[in-house]
Amino acid sequence: MIDALLADLSKATIGATFNQFREVGPNDMPDAPAIRLANLRQYLTERDQADVLAIGEAAGYQGMRWSGIAFTSEFDLLRWGEPYRRSSRRPRPWKEPSGTIVHGVLNELGAEWRVILWNTVPTHPHLAGEPLSNRLPTHEEIAAGRIFVERLLAIVQPKALIGIGRVACAAFPAATYVRHPAQSGATAFRLGMRALLAPPS
């Protein structure tokens, strides 16, 4: 079912977003879409026993746009090592501030393999003519992205669903809200995740 989900994701057109699993943009390796899809498949395979699904807003230009994994940058991939690969030609790997915070908390709590990170919109919404930018996804893009989240929920059947930020929680009212780490939200995000994931003392 994961293979079918990823195959459909690689063919999807979600509004005016950039589908990093199908499209090649500036500074991409020629086989960048395949690299990103392989990264995501490996990530999900390693977390086949995960009991938490944490959903963010959309793929960002410093993170999932290049890695294929929500809240994860090329810098994170280098930390993880093979078989994860970078997909950009950039001399220095992309590093996403929000992703650094997210993985820092997961590592602190020993929850990296317990939690699957995903996005309400799994492709990259950017400003017109500015591929290295982020914008809010439209209602139509959120609706199209929801389909993939619902399919992943059916596959994983997590015990807990976390919505990181308002967009995710509006799309999935059943999710437990945690503040998004961007825009001075790091402290509140850490507190929220610790409250939900920390083992009982």
N, C-alpha and C. Protein backbone atom coordinates (compact mmCIF):
# COMPACT_ATOMS: atom_id res chain seq x y z
N MET A 1 0.82 -1.21 0.00
CA MET A 1 0.00 0.00 0.00
C MET A 1 0.86 1.27 0.00
N ILE A 2 2.00 1.20 0.67
CA ILE A 2 2.91 2.35 0.66
C ILE A 2 3.42 2.60 -0.76
N ASP A 3 3.79 1.54 -1.47
CA ASP A 3 4.28 1.71 -2.84
C ASP A 3 3.21 2.35 -3.73
N ALA A 4 1.95 1.93 -3.56
CA ALA A 4 0.87 2.51 -4.35
C ALA A 4 0.67 3.98 -4.00
N LEU A 5 0.76 4.30 -2.71
CA LEU A 5 0.63 5.69 -2.27
C LEU A 5 1.73 6.55 -2.88
N LEU A 6 2.96 6.07 -2.83
CA LEU A 6 4.08 6.85 -3.36
C LEU A 6 4.01 6.97 -4.88
N ALA A 7 3.55 5.92 -5.55
CA ALA A 7 3.40 5.99 -7.00
C ALA A 7 2.38 7.05 -7.38
N ASP A 8 1.27 7.10 -6.66
CA ASP A 8 0.24 8.10 -6.95
C ASP A 8 0.73 9.50 -6.59
N LEU A 9 1.48 9.61 -5.51
CA LEU A 9 2.02 10.91 -5.13
C LEU A 9 2.97 11.44 -6.19
N SER A 10 3.77 10.56 -6.78
CA SER A 10 4.73 11.00 -7.80
C SER A 10 4.05 11.45 -9.09
N LYS A 11 2.79 11.10 -9.27
CA LYS A 11 2.06 11.50 -10.47
C LYS A 11 1.08 12.64 -10.21
N ALA A 12 0.94 13.03 -8.96
CA ALA A 12 -0.11 13.98 -8.59
C ALA A 12 0.19 15.41 -9.04
N THR A 13 -0.87 16.12 -9.38
CA THR A 13 -0.81 17.56 -9.59
C THR A 13 -1.68 18.18 -8.51
N ILE A 14 -1.07 18.93 -7.62
CA ILE A 14 -1.78 19.54 -6.49
C ILE A 14 -1.74 21.04 -6.67
N GLY A 15 -2.77 21.56 -7.29
CA GLY A 15 -2.86 23.00 -7.54
C GLY A 15 -1.65 23.51 -8.30
N ALA A 16 -1.11 24.62 -7.82
CA ALA A 16 0.07 25.23 -8.44
C ALA A 16 1.35 24.90 -7.70
N THR A 17 1.32 23.84 -6.91
CA THR A 17 2.52 23.46 -6.15
C THR A 17 3.52 22.73 -7.04
N PHE A 18 4.75 22.73 -6.60
CA PHE A 18 5.84 22.00 -7.27
C PHE A 18 5.87 20.59 -6.69
N ASN A 19 5.68 19.60 -7.55
CA ASN A 19 5.73 18.21 -7.09
C ASN A 19 7.17 17.72 -7.19
N GLN A 20 7.84 17.71 -6.06
CA GLN A 20 9.27 17.35 -6.03
C GLN A 20 9.51 15.88 -6.33
N PHE A 21 8.45 15.09 -6.37
CA PHE A 21 8.59 13.68 -6.70
C PHE A 21 8.42 13.40 -8.19
N ARG A 22 8.11 14.46 -8.96
CA ARG A 22 7.95 14.31 -10.39
C ARG A 22 8.74 15.35 -11.17
N GLU A 23 8.85 16.54 -10.63
CA GLU A 23 9.41 17.66 -11.37
C GLU A 23 10.87 17.93 -11.02
N VAL A 24 11.56 18.51 -11.97
CA VAL A 24 12.95 18.94 -11.79
C VAL A 24 12.99 20.45 -11.89
N GLY A 25 13.62 21.10 -10.92
CA GLY A 25 13.72 22.55 -10.92
C GLY A 25 15.17 23.01 -10.91
N PRO A 26 15.40 24.31 -10.74
CA PRO A 26 16.77 24.84 -10.68
C PRO A 26 17.58 24.16 -9.58
N ASN A 27 18.82 23.85 -9.89
CA ASN A 27 19.77 23.24 -8.94
C ASN A 27 19.45 21.80 -8.57
N ASP A 28 18.53 21.17 -9.30
CA ASP A 28 18.23 19.76 -9.04
C ASP A 28 19.19 18.85 -9.79
N MET A 29 19.52 17.72 -9.18
CA MET A 29 20.18 16.64 -9.90
C MET A 29 19.24 16.13 -10.99
N PRO A 30 19.77 15.57 -12.07
CA PRO A 30 18.87 15.07 -13.13
C PRO A 30 17.87 14.03 -12.65
N ASP A 31 18.29 13.18 -11.71
CA ASP A 31 17.40 12.14 -11.18
C ASP A 31 16.82 12.52 -9.82
N ALA A 32 16.71 13.83 -9.58
CA ALA A 32 16.27 14.31 -8.27
C ALA A 32 14.91 13.76 -7.83
N PRO A 33 13.89 13.72 -8.69
CA PRO A 33 12.60 13.18 -8.23
C PRO A 33 12.72 11.74 -7.73
N ALA A 34 13.47 10.92 -8.42
CA ALA A 34 13.65 9.52 -8.01
C ALA A 34 14.40 9.44 -6.68
N ILE A 35 15.38 10.31 -6.48
CA ILE A 35 16.12 10.34 -5.22
C ILE A 35 15.19 10.66 -4.07
N ARG A 36 14.36 11.68 -4.26
CA ARG A 36 13.47 12.11 -3.19
C ARG A 36 12.42 11.04 -2.88
N LEU A 37 11.94 10.37 -3.91
CA LEU A 37 10.96 9.31 -3.69
C LEU A 37 11.61 8.14 -2.94
N ALA A 38 12.85 7.81 -3.29
CA ALA A 38 13.58 6.74 -2.60
C ALA A 38 13.83 7.11 -1.14
N ASN A 39 14.16 8.38 -0.88
CA ASN A 39 14.35 8.84 0.50
C ASN A 39 13.08 8.64 1.31
N LEU A 40 11.94 9.04 0.73
CA LEU A 40 10.67 8.93 1.45
C LEU A 40 10.30 7.46 1.69
N ARG A 41 10.53 6.63 0.70
CA ARG A 41 10.24 5.20 0.87
C ARG A 41 11.09 4.61 1.98
N GLN A 42 12.37 4.94 2.02
CA GLN A 42 13.26 4.44 3.07
C GLN A 42 12.80 4.93 4.44
N TYR A 43 12.44 6.19 4.50
CA TYR A 43 11.98 6.80 5.76
C TYR A 43 10.76 6.06 6.30
N LEU A 44 9.78 5.81 5.43
CA LEU A 44 8.57 5.13 5.86
C LEU A 44 8.83 3.67 6.22
N THR A 45 9.72 3.03 5.49
CA THR A 45 10.07 1.64 5.77
C THR A 45 10.70 1.51 7.16
N GLU A 46 11.58 2.45 7.50
CA GLU A 46 12.24 2.42 8.81
C GLU A 46 11.26 2.65 9.97
N ARG A 47 10.11 3.25 9.65
CA ARG A 47 9.13 3.59 10.68
C ARG A 47 7.86 2.76 10.54
N ASP A 48 8.01 1.53 10.10
CA ASP A 48 6.82 0.70 9.89
C ASP A 48 6.13 0.30 11.19
N GLN A 49 6.76 0.56 12.33
CA GLN A 49 6.14 0.30 13.63
C GLN A 49 5.72 1.59 14.33
N ALA A 50 5.78 2.71 13.62
CA ALA A 50 5.45 4.00 14.23
C ALA A 50 4.00 4.02 14.71
N ASP A 51 3.77 4.66 15.87
CA ASP A 51 2.41 4.74 16.39
C ASP A 51 1.89 6.18 16.46
N VAL A 52 2.68 7.12 15.91
CA VAL A 52 2.29 8.53 15.90
C VAL A 52 2.48 9.10 14.50
N LEU A 53 1.48 9.82 14.02
CA LEU A 53 1.59 10.56 12.77
C LEU A 53 1.49 12.04 13.09
N ALA A 54 2.53 12.81 12.74
CA ALA A 54 2.56 14.25 13.00
C ALA A 54 2.51 14.98 11.66
N ILE A 55 1.50 15.80 11.49
CA ILE A 55 1.24 16.43 10.19
C ILE A 55 1.53 17.92 10.27
N GLY A 56 2.33 18.41 9.33
CA GLY A 56 2.59 19.84 9.22
C GLY A 56 1.73 20.46 8.13
N GLU A 57 2.19 21.60 7.64
CA GLU A 57 1.41 22.37 6.67
C GLU A 57 1.68 21.94 5.24
N ALA A 58 2.90 22.15 4.77
CA ALA A 58 3.24 21.85 3.38
C ALA A 58 4.75 21.74 3.25
N ALA A 59 5.19 21.13 2.16
CA ALA A 59 6.63 21.03 1.90
C ALA A 59 7.24 22.42 1.79
N GLY A 60 8.38 22.63 2.45
CA GLY A 60 9.07 23.92 2.43
C GLY A 60 10.28 23.89 1.51
N TYR A 61 10.69 25.07 1.05
CA TYR A 61 11.75 25.12 0.04
C TYR A 61 13.13 24.78 0.60
N GLN A 62 13.31 24.79 1.91
CA GLN A 62 14.61 24.42 2.49
C GLN A 62 14.64 22.97 2.98
N GLY A 63 13.47 22.32 2.98
CA GLY A 63 13.40 21.00 3.57
C GLY A 63 12.87 19.94 2.63
N MET A 64 11.59 19.63 2.73
CA MET A 64 10.99 18.53 1.97
C MET A 64 11.13 18.70 0.46
N ARG A 65 11.20 19.94 0.02
CA ARG A 65 11.39 20.19 -1.42
C ARG A 65 12.61 19.45 -1.95
N TRP A 66 13.63 19.28 -1.12
CA TRP A 66 14.87 18.63 -1.55
C TRP A 66 15.03 17.22 -1.00
N SER A 67 14.56 16.99 0.23
CA SER A 67 14.76 15.68 0.86
C SER A 67 13.67 14.68 0.52
N GLY A 68 12.45 15.18 0.26
CA GLY A 68 11.30 14.31 0.05
C GLY A 68 10.59 13.94 1.34
N ILE A 69 11.09 14.41 2.49
CA ILE A 69 10.56 14.03 3.80
C ILE A 69 10.17 15.28 4.57
N ALA A 70 8.99 15.29 5.15
CA ALA A 70 8.49 16.46 5.88
C ALA A 70 9.43 16.85 7.02
N PHE A 71 9.60 18.16 7.21
CA PHE A 71 10.42 18.70 8.30
C PHE A 71 11.85 18.15 8.27
N THR A 72 12.35 17.83 7.11
CA THR A 72 13.67 17.20 6.99
C THR A 72 14.44 17.86 5.86
N SER A 73 15.67 18.23 6.13
CA SER A 73 16.50 18.90 5.14
C SER A 73 17.61 17.97 4.65
N GLU A 74 18.33 18.44 3.66
CA GLU A 74 19.49 17.67 3.19
C GLU A 74 20.52 17.51 4.30
N PHE A 75 20.63 18.49 5.17
CA PHE A 75 21.55 18.40 6.30
C PHE A 75 21.19 17.21 7.19
N ASP A 76 19.89 17.01 7.42
CA ASP A 76 19.45 15.85 8.20
C ASP A 76 19.81 14.55 7.50
N LEU A 77 19.64 14.52 6.17
CA LEU A 77 19.97 13.31 5.41
C LEU A 77 21.44 12.95 5.58
N LEU A 78 22.31 13.95 5.58
CA LEU A 78 23.73 13.68 5.75
C LEU A 78 24.01 13.10 7.13
N ARG A 79 23.28 13.57 8.14
CA ARG A 79 23.43 13.01 9.49
C ARG A 79 23.00 11.55 9.52
N TRP A 80 21.93 11.23 8.79
CA TRP A 80 21.42 9.86 8.78
C TRP A 80 22.29 8.93 7.97
N GLY A 81 22.94 9.44 6.93
CA GLY A 81 23.83 8.62 6.12
C GLY A 81 23.08 7.79 5.09
N GLU A 82 23.81 6.91 4.44
CA GLU A 82 23.23 6.07 3.38
C GLU A 82 22.14 5.16 3.95
N PRO A 83 21.11 4.89 3.14
CA PRO A 83 20.98 5.14 1.70
C PRO A 83 20.37 6.50 1.34
N TYR A 84 20.19 7.38 2.34
CA TYR A 84 19.63 8.70 2.04
C TYR A 84 20.61 9.51 1.20
N ARG A 85 20.04 10.27 0.25
CA ARG A 85 20.88 11.04 -0.68
C ARG A 85 20.33 12.45 -0.85
N ARG A 86 21.22 13.37 -1.09
CA ARG A 86 20.83 14.73 -1.47
C ARG A 86 20.33 14.75 -2.91
N SER A 87 19.45 15.71 -3.20
CA SER A 87 18.94 15.81 -4.57
C SER A 87 19.33 17.12 -5.25
N SER A 88 20.01 18.01 -4.52
CA SER A 88 20.39 19.30 -5.10
C SER A 88 21.85 19.30 -5.53
N ARG A 89 22.15 20.21 -6.45
CA ARG A 89 23.54 20.42 -6.89
C ARG A 89 24.25 21.45 -6.00
N ARG A 90 23.56 22.01 -5.08
CA ARG A 90 24.10 23.07 -4.23
C ARG A 90 25.34 22.58 -3.49
N PRO A 91 26.42 23.37 -3.48
CA PRO A 91 27.63 22.92 -2.77
C PRO A 91 27.37 22.60 -1.29
N ARG A 92 26.60 23.46 -0.64
CA ARG A 92 26.27 23.22 0.77
C ARG A 92 24.87 22.65 0.86
N PRO A 93 24.66 21.66 1.71
CA PRO A 93 23.32 21.08 1.83
C PRO A 93 22.32 22.08 2.39
N TRP A 94 21.07 21.96 1.95
CA TRP A 94 20.01 22.79 2.51
C TRP A 94 19.80 22.41 3.97
N LYS A 95 19.52 23.43 4.78
CA LYS A 95 19.25 23.23 6.20
C LYS A 95 18.01 24.03 6.56
N GLU A 96 17.02 23.36 7.16
CA GLU A 96 15.74 23.99 7.47
C GLU A 96 15.63 24.22 8.97
N PRO A 97 15.46 25.47 9.42
CA PRO A 97 15.38 25.74 10.86
C PRO A 97 14.29 24.93 11.57
N SER A 98 13.09 24.87 10.98
CA SER A 98 12.01 24.13 11.63
C SER A 98 12.35 22.64 11.75
N GLY A 99 12.95 22.09 10.70
CA GLY A 99 13.32 20.68 10.72
C GLY A 99 14.35 20.38 11.79
N THR A 100 15.29 21.29 11.97
CA THR A 100 16.31 21.11 13.01
C THR A 100 15.65 21.02 14.38
N ILE A 101 14.66 21.87 14.62
CA ILE A 101 13.95 21.86 15.89
C ILE A 101 13.15 20.57 16.07
N VAL A 102 12.44 20.18 15.01
CA VAL A 102 11.60 18.98 15.08
C VAL A 102 12.43 17.74 15.37
N HIS A 103 13.49 17.53 14.59
CA HIS A 103 14.30 16.33 14.81
C HIS A 103 15.07 16.39 16.12
N GLY A 104 15.41 17.61 16.56
CA GLY A 104 16.06 17.74 17.86
C GLY A 104 15.18 17.23 18.99
N VAL A 105 13.89 17.58 18.95
CA VAL A 105 12.97 17.12 19.98
C VAL A 105 12.74 15.61 19.88
N LEU A 106 12.56 15.11 18.66
CA LEU A 106 12.35 13.66 18.50
C LEU A 106 13.55 12.87 19.01
N ASN A 107 14.75 13.36 18.72
CA ASN A 107 15.95 12.67 19.21
C ASN A 107 16.03 12.73 20.74
N GLU A 108 15.72 13.89 21.28
CA GLU A 108 15.74 14.07 22.74
C GLU A 108 14.81 13.08 23.43
N LEU A 109 13.65 12.84 22.82
CA LEU A 109 12.64 11.97 23.42
C LEU A 109 12.79 10.51 23.01
N GLY A 110 13.79 10.21 22.19
CA GLY A 110 13.96 8.85 21.69
C GLY A 110 12.79 8.41 20.82
N ALA A 111 12.19 9.37 20.10
CA ALA A 111 10.96 9.10 19.35
C ALA A 111 11.13 9.21 17.85
N GLU A 112 12.37 9.28 17.36
CA GLU A 112 12.58 9.47 15.92
C GLU A 112 11.92 8.38 15.09
N TRP A 113 11.98 7.13 15.54
CA TRP A 113 11.39 6.02 14.77
C TRP A 113 9.96 5.70 15.20
N ARG A 114 9.49 6.42 16.19
CA ARG A 114 8.11 6.22 16.65
C ARG A 114 7.14 7.15 15.93
N VAL A 115 7.66 8.21 15.34
CA VAL A 115 6.83 9.26 14.74
C VAL A 115 7.09 9.33 13.24
N ILE A 116 6.01 9.35 12.46
CA ILE A 116 6.10 9.64 11.03
C ILE A 116 5.72 11.10 10.82
N LEU A 117 6.60 11.84 10.17
CA LEU A 117 6.34 13.23 9.82
C LEU A 117 5.78 13.27 8.40
N TRP A 118 4.73 14.06 8.20
CA TRP A 118 4.09 14.20 6.89
C TRP A 118 3.58 15.62 6.80
N ASN A 119 3.05 16.00 5.64
CA ASN A 119 2.47 17.33 5.49
C ASN A 119 1.07 17.26 4.92
N THR A 120 0.22 18.18 5.35
CA THR A 120 -1.12 18.28 4.81
C THR A 120 -1.06 18.38 3.29
N VAL A 121 -0.16 19.22 2.79
CA VAL A 121 0.13 19.31 1.35
C VAL A 121 1.55 18.77 1.16
N PRO A 122 1.70 17.58 0.58
CA PRO A 122 3.03 16.95 0.51
C PRO A 122 3.92 17.48 -0.61
N THR A 123 3.44 18.48 -1.33
CA THR A 123 4.23 19.12 -2.38
C THR A 123 4.49 20.57 -1.98
N HIS A 124 5.24 21.30 -2.81
CA HIS A 124 5.77 22.60 -2.37
C HIS A 124 5.00 23.80 -2.96
N PRO A 125 4.22 24.50 -2.13
CA PRO A 125 3.59 25.74 -2.59
C PRO A 125 4.60 26.89 -2.54
N HIS A 126 4.78 27.57 -3.65
CA HIS A 126 5.73 28.69 -3.70
C HIS A 126 5.08 29.87 -4.41
N LEU A 127 5.65 31.03 -4.23
CA LEU A 127 5.16 32.22 -4.91
C LEU A 127 5.43 32.12 -6.40
N ALA A 128 4.56 32.68 -7.22
CA ALA A 128 4.71 32.62 -8.67
C ALA A 128 6.05 33.23 -9.09
N GLY A 129 6.82 32.45 -9.86
CA GLY A 129 8.11 32.93 -10.34
C GLY A 129 9.21 32.91 -9.31
N GLU A 130 8.94 32.42 -8.10
CA GLU A 130 9.94 32.36 -7.03
C GLU A 130 9.99 30.95 -6.46
N PRO A 131 10.70 30.05 -7.14
CA PRO A 131 10.71 28.65 -6.67
C PRO A 131 11.31 28.46 -5.28
N LEU A 132 12.20 29.37 -4.87
CA LEU A 132 12.80 29.25 -3.54
C LEU A 132 12.06 30.18 -2.57
N SER A 133 10.78 29.90 -2.40
CA SER A 133 9.93 30.65 -1.48
C SER A 133 8.85 29.72 -0.96
N ASN A 134 8.19 30.14 0.08
CA ASN A 134 7.04 29.40 0.61
C ASN A 134 5.82 30.30 0.61
N ARG A 135 4.66 29.72 0.43
CA ARG A 135 3.40 30.44 0.58
C ARG A 135 2.39 29.50 1.23
N LEU A 136 1.32 30.07 1.73
CA LEU A 136 0.25 29.25 2.29
C LEU A 136 -0.42 28.45 1.18
N PRO A 137 -0.71 27.20 1.40
CA PRO A 137 -1.45 26.44 0.39
C PRO A 137 -2.89 26.93 0.30
N THR A 138 -3.47 26.80 -0.87
CA THR A 138 -4.87 27.20 -1.07
C THR A 138 -5.79 26.12 -0.50
N HIS A 139 -7.07 26.47 -0.39
CA HIS A 139 -8.05 25.49 0.09
C HIS A 139 -8.10 24.27 -0.82
N GLU A 140 -7.98 24.52 -2.14
CA GLU A 140 -8.01 23.42 -3.11
C GLU A 140 -6.78 22.53 -2.94
N GLU A 141 -5.62 23.11 -2.71
CA GLU A 141 -4.40 22.32 -2.51
C GLU A 141 -4.48 21.51 -1.22
N ILE A 142 -5.05 22.10 -0.18
CA ILE A 142 -5.22 21.37 1.08
C ILE A 142 -6.16 20.19 0.88
N ALA A 143 -7.24 20.41 0.15
CA ALA A 143 -8.20 19.32 -0.11
C ALA A 143 -7.54 18.19 -0.89
N ALA A 144 -6.70 18.53 -1.87
CA ALA A 144 -6.01 17.50 -2.66
C ALA A 144 -4.97 16.78 -1.82
N GLY A 145 -4.30 17.50 -0.94
CA GLY A 145 -3.30 16.87 -0.08
C GLY A 145 -3.91 15.99 0.98
N ARG A 146 -5.09 16.34 1.43
CA ARG A 146 -5.79 15.55 2.45
C ARG A 146 -5.96 14.09 2.03
N ILE A 147 -6.17 13.88 0.75
CA ILE A 147 -6.39 12.52 0.25
C ILE A 147 -5.20 11.63 0.58
N PHE A 148 -3.99 12.17 0.42
CA PHE A 148 -2.78 11.38 0.70
C PHE A 148 -2.62 11.15 2.21
N VAL A 149 -2.97 12.16 3.01
CA VAL A 149 -2.90 11.97 4.46
C VAL A 149 -3.88 10.88 4.90
N GLU A 150 -5.09 10.92 4.36
CA GLU A 150 -6.09 9.93 4.73
C GLU A 150 -5.66 8.51 4.33
N ARG A 151 -5.02 8.41 3.18
CA ARG A 151 -4.51 7.09 2.77
C ARG A 151 -3.40 6.62 3.71
N LEU A 152 -2.52 7.54 4.09
CA LEU A 152 -1.44 7.17 5.01
C LEU A 152 -2.01 6.79 6.38
N LEU A 153 -3.02 7.50 6.83
CA LEU A 153 -3.66 7.16 8.10
C LEU A 153 -4.23 5.74 8.06
N ALA A 154 -4.84 5.38 6.95
CA ALA A 154 -5.42 4.05 6.81
C ALA A 154 -4.35 2.97 6.83
N ILE A 155 -3.17 3.29 6.30
CA ILE A 155 -2.08 2.32 6.28
C ILE A 155 -1.43 2.19 7.66
N VAL A 156 -1.10 3.33 8.25
CA VAL A 156 -0.33 3.35 9.51
C VAL A 156 -1.22 3.04 10.71
N GLN A 157 -2.45 3.55 10.68
CA GLN A 157 -3.39 3.41 11.81
C GLN A 157 -2.72 3.81 13.13
N PRO A 158 -2.27 5.06 13.20
CA PRO A 158 -1.54 5.49 14.39
C PRO A 158 -2.43 5.58 15.63
N LYS A 159 -1.80 5.47 16.78
CA LYS A 159 -2.53 5.65 18.04
C LYS A 159 -2.77 7.13 18.32
N ALA A 160 -1.89 7.98 17.78
CA ALA A 160 -2.01 9.42 18.02
C ALA A 160 -1.79 10.18 16.72
N LEU A 161 -2.57 11.24 16.55
CA LEU A 161 -2.44 12.13 15.39
C LEU A 161 -2.16 13.53 15.92
N ILE A 162 -1.03 14.09 15.51
CA ILE A 162 -0.61 15.42 15.96
C ILE A 162 -0.68 16.38 14.79
N GLY A 163 -1.30 17.53 15.00
CA GLY A 163 -1.33 18.58 13.99
C GLY A 163 -0.35 19.67 14.36
N ILE A 164 0.70 19.82 13.57
CA ILE A 164 1.72 20.83 13.85
C ILE A 164 1.32 22.11 13.13
N GLY A 165 0.72 23.03 13.86
CA GLY A 165 0.27 24.29 13.28
C GLY A 165 -1.22 24.30 12.96
N ARG A 166 -1.73 25.49 12.68
CA ARG A 166 -3.17 25.70 12.49
C ARG A 166 -3.69 25.09 11.20
N VAL A 167 -2.90 25.13 10.13
CA VAL A 167 -3.37 24.59 8.86
C VAL A 167 -3.66 23.10 8.99
N ALA A 168 -2.74 22.37 9.59
CA ALA A 168 -2.92 20.92 9.77
C ALA A 168 -4.13 20.62 10.65
N CYS A 169 -4.29 21.38 11.73
CA CYS A 169 -5.40 21.11 12.64
C CYS A 169 -6.74 21.50 12.04
N ALA A 170 -6.75 22.53 11.19
CA ALA A 170 -8.00 22.88 10.50
C ALA A 170 -8.38 21.79 9.51
N ALA A 171 -7.39 21.18 8.86
CA ALA A 171 -7.65 20.12 7.89
C ALA A 171 -8.03 18.81 8.59
N PHE A 172 -7.50 18.61 9.80
CA PHE A 172 -7.75 17.38 10.55
C PHE A 172 -8.14 17.74 11.99
N PRO A 173 -9.43 18.06 12.20
CA PRO A 173 -9.88 18.51 13.53
C PRO A 173 -9.64 17.49 14.64
N ALA A 174 -9.51 16.21 14.28
CA ALA A 174 -9.27 15.19 15.31
C ALA A 174 -7.83 15.21 15.83
N ALA A 175 -6.95 15.93 15.15
CA ALA A 175 -5.53 15.97 15.55
C ALA A 175 -5.36 16.81 16.81
N THR A 176 -4.39 16.43 17.62
CA THR A 176 -4.01 17.23 18.79
C THR A 176 -3.09 18.34 18.34
N TYR A 177 -3.44 19.57 18.67
CA TYR A 177 -2.68 20.74 18.21
C TYR A 177 -1.36 20.89 18.96
N VAL A 178 -0.31 21.17 18.18
CA VAL A 178 0.98 21.59 18.72
C VAL A 178 1.43 22.79 17.91
N ARG A 179 1.95 23.78 18.56
CA ARG A 179 2.41 25.00 17.89
C ARG A 179 3.47 24.67 16.86
N HIS A 180 3.39 25.31 15.68
CA HIS A 180 4.43 25.13 14.67
C HIS A 180 5.71 25.78 15.16
N PRO A 181 6.88 25.16 14.92
CA PRO A 181 8.12 25.73 15.46
C PRO A 181 8.58 27.02 14.78
N ALA A 182 8.04 27.35 13.60
CA ALA A 182 8.46 28.56 12.89
C ALA A 182 7.92 29.81 13.59
N GLN A 183 8.50 30.94 13.23
CA GLN A 183 8.04 32.25 13.71
C GLN A 183 7.91 32.30 15.23
N SER A 184 9.02 32.04 15.90
CA SER A 184 9.14 32.13 17.37
C SER A 184 8.30 31.08 18.10
N GLY A 185 7.97 29.98 17.40
CA GLY A 185 7.17 28.95 18.05
C GLY A 185 7.96 27.78 18.59
N ALA A 186 9.29 27.86 18.57
CA ALA A 186 10.12 26.71 18.93
C ALA A 186 9.88 26.24 20.36
N THR A 187 9.83 27.17 21.31
CA THR A 187 9.66 26.77 22.70
C THR A 187 8.31 26.09 22.93
N ALA A 188 7.25 26.68 22.38
CA ALA A 188 5.92 26.10 22.53
C ALA A 188 5.84 24.74 21.84
N PHE A 189 6.49 24.61 20.68
CA PHE A 189 6.51 23.33 19.98
C PHE A 189 7.18 22.27 20.84
N ARG A 190 8.34 22.59 21.38
CA ARG A 190 9.06 21.61 22.21
C ARG A 190 8.22 21.18 23.41
N LEU A 191 7.59 22.15 24.07
CA LEU A 191 6.77 21.83 25.24
C LEU A 191 5.60 20.93 24.84
N GLY A 192 4.97 21.24 23.71
CA GLY A 192 3.84 20.45 23.26
C GLY A 192 4.22 19.02 22.91
N MET A 193 5.32 18.87 22.22
CA MET A 193 5.75 17.52 21.83
C MET A 193 6.21 16.72 23.04
N ARG A 194 6.89 17.37 23.97
CA ARG A 194 7.31 16.65 25.18
C ARG A 194 6.11 16.16 25.98
N ALA A 195 5.07 16.99 26.03
CA ALA A 195 3.87 16.61 26.78
C ALA A 195 3.19 15.40 26.15
N LEU A 196 3.26 15.29 24.82
CA LEU A 196 2.58 14.19 24.13
C LEU A 196 3.43 12.92 24.01
N LEU A 197 4.75 13.09 23.92
CA LEU A 197 5.60 11.96 23.58
C LEU A 197 6.53 11.48 24.69
N ALA A 198 6.75 12.31 25.69
CA ALA A 198 7.70 11.91 26.73
C ALA A 198 7.18 10.70 27.49
N PRO A 199 8.03 9.73 27.77
CA PRO A 199 7.60 8.55 28.54
C PRO A 199 7.18 8.97 29.95
N PRO A 200 6.19 8.27 30.50
CA PRO A 200 5.76 8.63 31.88
C PRO A 200 6.89 8.45 32.87
N SER A 201 6.97 9.37 33.82
CA SER A 201 8.06 9.32 34.81
C SER A 201 7.70 8.39 35.96
